[in-house]
Amino acid sequence: MSKVIDQRRLADLIIKPIVTEKATLQLEDNKYVFDVRPEATKPEIKAAIELLFDVKVTGVNTARMPRRKKRVGRFMGFKAQVKRAVVTLKEGDSIKLFPDV
């Protein structure tokens, strides 16, 4: 049984692209890194990237990032937990992360 994906919810699954040294090196292999909501599944992430950026996704790898402690004054808490997704695009497709200024 295939689950019907609600297109209105897809845009909310992607939180932000990750621009770190490691993520920038992966751009050479046509892999892009995004923070996504923890409840997002691989088919939903694939559909969201294809819908938002008009590209063809060939693979999605995900990992849950560890919770980080956050101190506010004398109170300890945790930052919100996110899932990290590494999205591989079809050869020739690309996402413009840095618009021309």
N, C-alpha and C. Protein backbone atom coordinates (compact mmCIF):
# COMPACT_ATOMS: atom_id res chain seq x y z
N MET A 1 0.83 -1.18 0.00
CA MET A 1 0.00 0.00 0.00
C MET A 1 0.87 1.24 0.00
N SER A 2 0.68 2.09 -0.96
CA SER A 2 1.46 3.32 -0.97
C SER A 2 0.66 4.43 -0.30
N LYS A 3 1.34 5.20 0.49
CA LYS A 3 0.72 6.30 1.23
C LYS A 3 0.69 7.54 0.35
N VAL A 4 -0.43 8.20 0.28
CA VAL A 4 -0.56 9.44 -0.48
C VAL A 4 0.10 10.56 0.31
N ILE A 5 1.01 11.28 -0.33
CA ILE A 5 1.76 12.34 0.34
C ILE A 5 1.05 13.67 0.11
N ASP A 6 0.75 14.37 1.19
CA ASP A 6 0.07 15.67 1.12
C ASP A 6 1.09 16.73 0.72
N GLN A 7 0.90 17.33 -0.45
CA GLN A 7 1.88 18.30 -0.97
C GLN A 7 1.92 19.58 -0.16
N ARG A 8 0.83 19.91 0.52
CA ARG A 8 0.84 21.13 1.34
C ARG A 8 1.76 20.99 2.55
N ARG A 9 1.97 19.76 3.01
CA ARG A 9 2.80 19.50 4.19
C ARG A 9 4.27 19.33 3.84
N LEU A 10 4.56 19.08 2.56
CA LEU A 10 5.93 18.77 2.17
C LEU A 10 6.90 19.92 2.41
N ALA A 11 6.47 21.14 2.13
CA ALA A 11 7.37 22.29 2.29
C ALA A 11 7.75 22.49 3.76
N ASP A 12 6.90 22.07 4.69
CA ASP A 12 7.19 22.23 6.11
C ASP A 12 8.18 21.19 6.63
N LEU A 13 8.43 20.12 5.87
CA LEU A 13 9.33 19.07 6.32
C LEU A 13 10.79 19.51 6.28
N ILE A 14 11.15 20.33 5.28
CA ILE A 14 12.52 20.78 5.12
C ILE A 14 12.72 22.03 5.98
N ILE A 15 13.67 21.97 6.93
CA ILE A 15 13.90 23.11 7.82
C ILE A 15 14.90 24.08 7.20
N LYS A 16 16.09 23.58 6.85
CA LYS A 16 17.11 24.47 6.27
C LYS A 16 18.20 23.65 5.64
N PRO A 17 18.90 24.21 4.66
CA PRO A 17 20.09 23.53 4.12
C PRO A 17 21.27 23.72 5.06
N ILE A 18 22.17 22.76 5.07
CA ILE A 18 23.35 22.81 5.92
C ILE A 18 24.54 23.23 5.07
N VAL A 19 25.24 24.28 5.52
CA VAL A 19 26.40 24.77 4.80
C VAL A 19 27.60 24.71 5.75
N THR A 20 28.19 23.53 5.86
CA THR A 20 29.39 23.34 6.65
C THR A 20 30.51 22.93 5.70
N GLU A 21 31.70 22.79 6.21
CA GLU A 21 32.82 22.40 5.36
C GLU A 21 32.58 21.01 4.75
N LYS A 22 32.12 20.09 5.57
CA LYS A 22 31.87 18.73 5.09
C LYS A 22 30.73 18.70 4.06
N ALA A 23 29.67 19.46 4.32
CA ALA A 23 28.55 19.50 3.40
C ALA A 23 28.94 20.16 2.08
N THR A 24 29.81 21.15 2.13
CA THR A 24 30.26 21.82 0.92
C THR A 24 31.13 20.88 0.08
N LEU A 25 31.94 20.04 0.72
CA LEU A 25 32.74 19.06 -0.02
C LEU A 25 31.85 18.01 -0.70
N GLN A 26 30.71 17.71 -0.10
CA GLN A 26 29.80 16.73 -0.70
C GLN A 26 29.08 17.27 -1.93
N LEU A 27 29.08 18.59 -2.10
CA LEU A 27 28.46 19.18 -3.29
C LEU A 27 29.14 18.70 -4.57
N GLU A 28 30.42 18.35 -4.49
CA GLU A 28 31.15 17.84 -5.65
C GLU A 28 30.59 16.50 -6.12
N ASP A 29 30.04 15.70 -5.19
CA ASP A 29 29.43 14.41 -5.52
C ASP A 29 27.94 14.55 -5.78
N ASN A 30 27.45 15.78 -5.93
CA ASN A 30 26.04 16.07 -6.18
C ASN A 30 25.16 15.63 -5.01
N LYS A 31 25.69 15.81 -3.77
CA LYS A 31 24.95 15.48 -2.56
C LYS A 31 24.71 16.77 -1.77
N TYR A 32 23.49 16.95 -1.33
CA TYR A 32 23.09 18.14 -0.59
C TYR A 32 22.59 17.72 0.78
N VAL A 33 22.90 18.51 1.82
CA VAL A 33 22.55 18.17 3.19
C VAL A 33 21.50 19.16 3.70
N PHE A 34 20.43 18.62 4.31
CA PHE A 34 19.34 19.43 4.84
C PHE A 34 18.99 18.98 6.25
N ASP A 35 18.56 19.92 7.10
CA ASP A 35 17.90 19.56 8.35
C ASP A 35 16.42 19.39 8.03
N VAL A 36 15.85 18.29 8.49
CA VAL A 36 14.43 18.02 8.24
C VAL A 36 13.76 17.71 9.58
N ARG A 37 12.43 17.71 9.58
CA ARG A 37 11.69 17.41 10.80
C ARG A 37 11.90 15.96 11.19
N PRO A 38 11.93 15.64 12.48
CA PRO A 38 12.23 14.27 12.92
C PRO A 38 11.23 13.22 12.43
N GLU A 39 10.00 13.60 12.17
CA GLU A 39 9.00 12.62 11.74
C GLU A 39 8.98 12.41 10.22
N ALA A 40 9.83 13.10 9.49
CA ALA A 40 9.87 12.99 8.03
C ALA A 40 10.45 11.63 7.62
N THR A 41 9.83 11.01 6.63
CA THR A 41 10.31 9.74 6.10
C THR A 41 11.11 9.99 4.82
N LYS A 42 11.85 8.98 4.38
CA LYS A 42 12.66 9.15 3.18
C LYS A 42 11.82 9.45 1.94
N PRO A 43 10.68 8.76 1.71
CA PRO A 43 9.86 9.12 0.54
C PRO A 43 9.31 10.54 0.62
N GLU A 44 8.97 11.00 1.82
CA GLU A 44 8.48 12.37 1.97
C GLU A 44 9.59 13.38 1.71
N ILE A 45 10.79 13.10 2.18
CA ILE A 45 11.93 14.01 1.94
C ILE A 45 12.21 14.08 0.44
N LYS A 46 12.20 12.93 -0.23
CA LYS A 46 12.45 12.89 -1.67
C LYS A 46 11.39 13.71 -2.41
N ALA A 47 10.12 13.52 -2.06
CA ALA A 47 9.05 14.26 -2.72
C ALA A 47 9.15 15.75 -2.45
N ALA A 48 9.54 16.14 -1.24
CA ALA A 48 9.64 17.56 -0.89
C ALA A 48 10.76 18.23 -1.67
N ILE A 49 11.93 17.59 -1.77
CA ILE A 49 13.05 18.17 -2.50
C ILE A 49 12.71 18.29 -3.99
N GLU A 50 12.08 17.25 -4.55
CA GLU A 50 11.71 17.30 -5.97
C GLU A 50 10.68 18.38 -6.23
N LEU A 51 9.75 18.58 -5.29
CA LEU A 51 8.71 19.60 -5.47
C LEU A 51 9.28 21.01 -5.31
N LEU A 52 10.11 21.23 -4.28
CA LEU A 52 10.60 22.57 -3.99
C LEU A 52 11.65 23.07 -4.98
N PHE A 53 12.54 22.17 -5.42
CA PHE A 53 13.68 22.61 -6.22
C PHE A 53 13.62 22.14 -7.67
N ASP A 54 12.59 21.37 -8.05
CA ASP A 54 12.39 20.90 -9.42
C ASP A 54 13.62 20.13 -9.92
N VAL A 55 14.04 19.13 -9.15
CA VAL A 55 15.18 18.27 -9.49
C VAL A 55 14.75 16.82 -9.33
N LYS A 56 15.58 15.89 -9.80
CA LYS A 56 15.32 14.46 -9.67
C LYS A 56 16.25 13.89 -8.61
N VAL A 57 15.68 13.29 -7.55
CA VAL A 57 16.44 12.72 -6.44
C VAL A 57 16.67 11.24 -6.69
N THR A 58 17.93 10.79 -6.56
CA THR A 58 18.23 9.37 -6.75
C THR A 58 18.41 8.64 -5.43
N GLY A 59 18.70 9.35 -4.33
CA GLY A 59 18.89 8.68 -3.05
C GLY A 59 18.75 9.64 -1.89
N VAL A 60 18.29 9.08 -0.75
CA VAL A 60 18.16 9.87 0.48
C VAL A 60 18.72 9.04 1.63
N ASN A 61 19.67 9.60 2.37
CA ASN A 61 20.19 8.97 3.58
C ASN A 61 19.87 9.90 4.75
N THR A 62 19.41 9.31 5.86
CA THR A 62 19.03 10.13 7.01
C THR A 62 19.78 9.69 8.26
N ALA A 63 19.89 10.62 9.21
CA ALA A 63 20.50 10.34 10.51
C ALA A 63 19.89 11.28 11.54
N ARG A 64 19.60 10.75 12.70
CA ARG A 64 19.11 11.59 13.80
C ARG A 64 20.32 12.17 14.52
N MET A 65 20.33 13.47 14.68
CA MET A 65 21.43 14.14 15.35
C MET A 65 21.23 14.04 16.86
N PRO A 66 22.32 13.94 17.65
CA PRO A 66 22.17 13.84 19.10
C PRO A 66 21.61 15.14 19.68
N ARG A 67 20.89 15.00 20.80
CA ARG A 67 20.34 16.18 21.47
C ARG A 67 21.47 16.97 22.11
N ARG A 68 21.39 18.28 22.01
CA ARG A 68 22.42 19.15 22.58
C ARG A 68 21.84 19.90 23.77
N LYS A 69 22.64 20.04 24.81
CA LYS A 69 22.19 20.77 25.99
C LYS A 69 22.23 22.27 25.72
N LYS A 70 21.31 22.98 26.34
CA LYS A 70 21.22 24.42 26.18
C LYS A 70 20.96 25.01 27.56
N ARG A 71 21.77 25.99 27.94
CA ARG A 71 21.58 26.64 29.23
C ARG A 71 21.03 28.04 29.01
N VAL A 72 19.97 28.36 29.75
CA VAL A 72 19.41 29.70 29.75
C VAL A 72 19.41 30.16 31.20
N GLY A 73 20.39 30.99 31.54
CA GLY A 73 20.53 31.40 32.93
C GLY A 73 20.92 30.22 33.78
N ARG A 74 20.13 29.91 34.79
CA ARG A 74 20.43 28.77 35.65
C ARG A 74 19.64 27.53 35.25
N PHE A 75 18.87 27.62 34.20
CA PHE A 75 18.03 26.50 33.77
C PHE A 75 18.68 25.73 32.63
N MET A 76 18.70 24.41 32.77
CA MET A 76 19.23 23.54 31.71
C MET A 76 18.08 22.96 30.92
N GLY A 77 18.30 22.83 29.64
CA GLY A 77 17.29 22.22 28.78
C GLY A 77 17.98 21.63 27.57
N PHE A 78 17.21 21.33 26.56
CA PHE A 78 17.75 20.75 25.34
C PHE A 78 17.27 21.55 24.14
N LYS A 79 18.11 21.61 23.10
CA LYS A 79 17.68 22.19 21.83
C LYS A 79 16.71 21.24 21.16
N ALA A 80 15.94 21.73 20.24
CA ALA A 80 15.01 20.89 19.52
C ALA A 80 15.78 19.87 18.68
N GLN A 81 15.29 18.64 18.65
CA GLN A 81 15.97 17.58 17.92
C GLN A 81 15.58 17.65 16.44
N VAL A 82 16.57 17.43 15.57
CA VAL A 82 16.33 17.44 14.14
C VAL A 82 16.90 16.17 13.53
N LYS A 83 16.48 15.91 12.32
CA LYS A 83 17.02 14.80 11.54
C LYS A 83 17.80 15.41 10.39
N ARG A 84 18.92 14.84 10.05
CA ARG A 84 19.74 15.34 8.96
C ARG A 84 19.57 14.41 7.76
N ALA A 85 19.34 14.98 6.58
CA ALA A 85 19.13 14.20 5.37
C ALA A 85 20.19 14.57 4.33
N VAL A 86 20.87 13.56 3.78
CA VAL A 86 21.81 13.75 2.69
C VAL A 86 21.10 13.28 1.42
N VAL A 87 20.86 14.22 0.51
CA VAL A 87 20.08 13.96 -0.69
C VAL A 87 21.02 13.90 -1.89
N THR A 88 20.98 12.80 -2.64
CA THR A 88 21.78 12.65 -3.85
C THR A 88 20.89 12.96 -5.05
N LEU A 89 21.37 13.85 -5.91
CA LEU A 89 20.60 14.25 -7.09
C LEU A 89 21.09 13.52 -8.33
N LYS A 90 20.21 13.48 -9.34
CA LYS A 90 20.56 12.89 -10.63
C LYS A 90 21.68 13.69 -11.27
N GLU A 91 22.51 13.03 -12.04
CA GLU A 91 23.63 13.68 -12.72
C GLU A 91 23.10 14.81 -13.61
N GLY A 92 23.65 15.99 -13.44
CA GLY A 92 23.22 17.13 -14.24
C GLY A 92 22.28 18.07 -13.51
N ASP A 93 21.59 17.59 -12.46
CA ASP A 93 20.72 18.45 -11.66
C ASP A 93 21.52 19.12 -10.57
N SER A 94 21.09 20.30 -10.14
CA SER A 94 21.75 20.99 -9.03
C SER A 94 20.76 21.90 -8.34
N ILE A 95 21.07 22.24 -7.11
CA ILE A 95 20.28 23.17 -6.31
C ILE A 95 21.15 24.38 -6.05
N LYS A 96 20.61 25.56 -6.28
CA LYS A 96 21.38 26.79 -6.09
C LYS A 96 21.22 27.24 -4.65
N LEU A 97 22.22 26.92 -3.81
CA LEU A 97 22.18 27.30 -2.40
C LEU A 97 22.65 28.72 -2.18
N PHE A 98 23.52 29.21 -3.05
CA PHE A 98 24.07 30.55 -2.90
C PHE A 98 23.60 31.41 -4.06
N PRO A 99 22.52 32.16 -3.91
CA PRO A 99 22.06 33.01 -5.02
C PRO A 99 23.07 34.12 -5.32
N ASP A 100 23.09 34.53 -6.57
CA ASP A 100 24.01 35.63 -6.95
C ASP A 100 23.61 36.89 -6.25
N VAL A 101 24.61 37.60 -5.71
CA VAL A 101 24.34 38.82 -4.96
C VAL A 101 24.55 40.01 -5.85
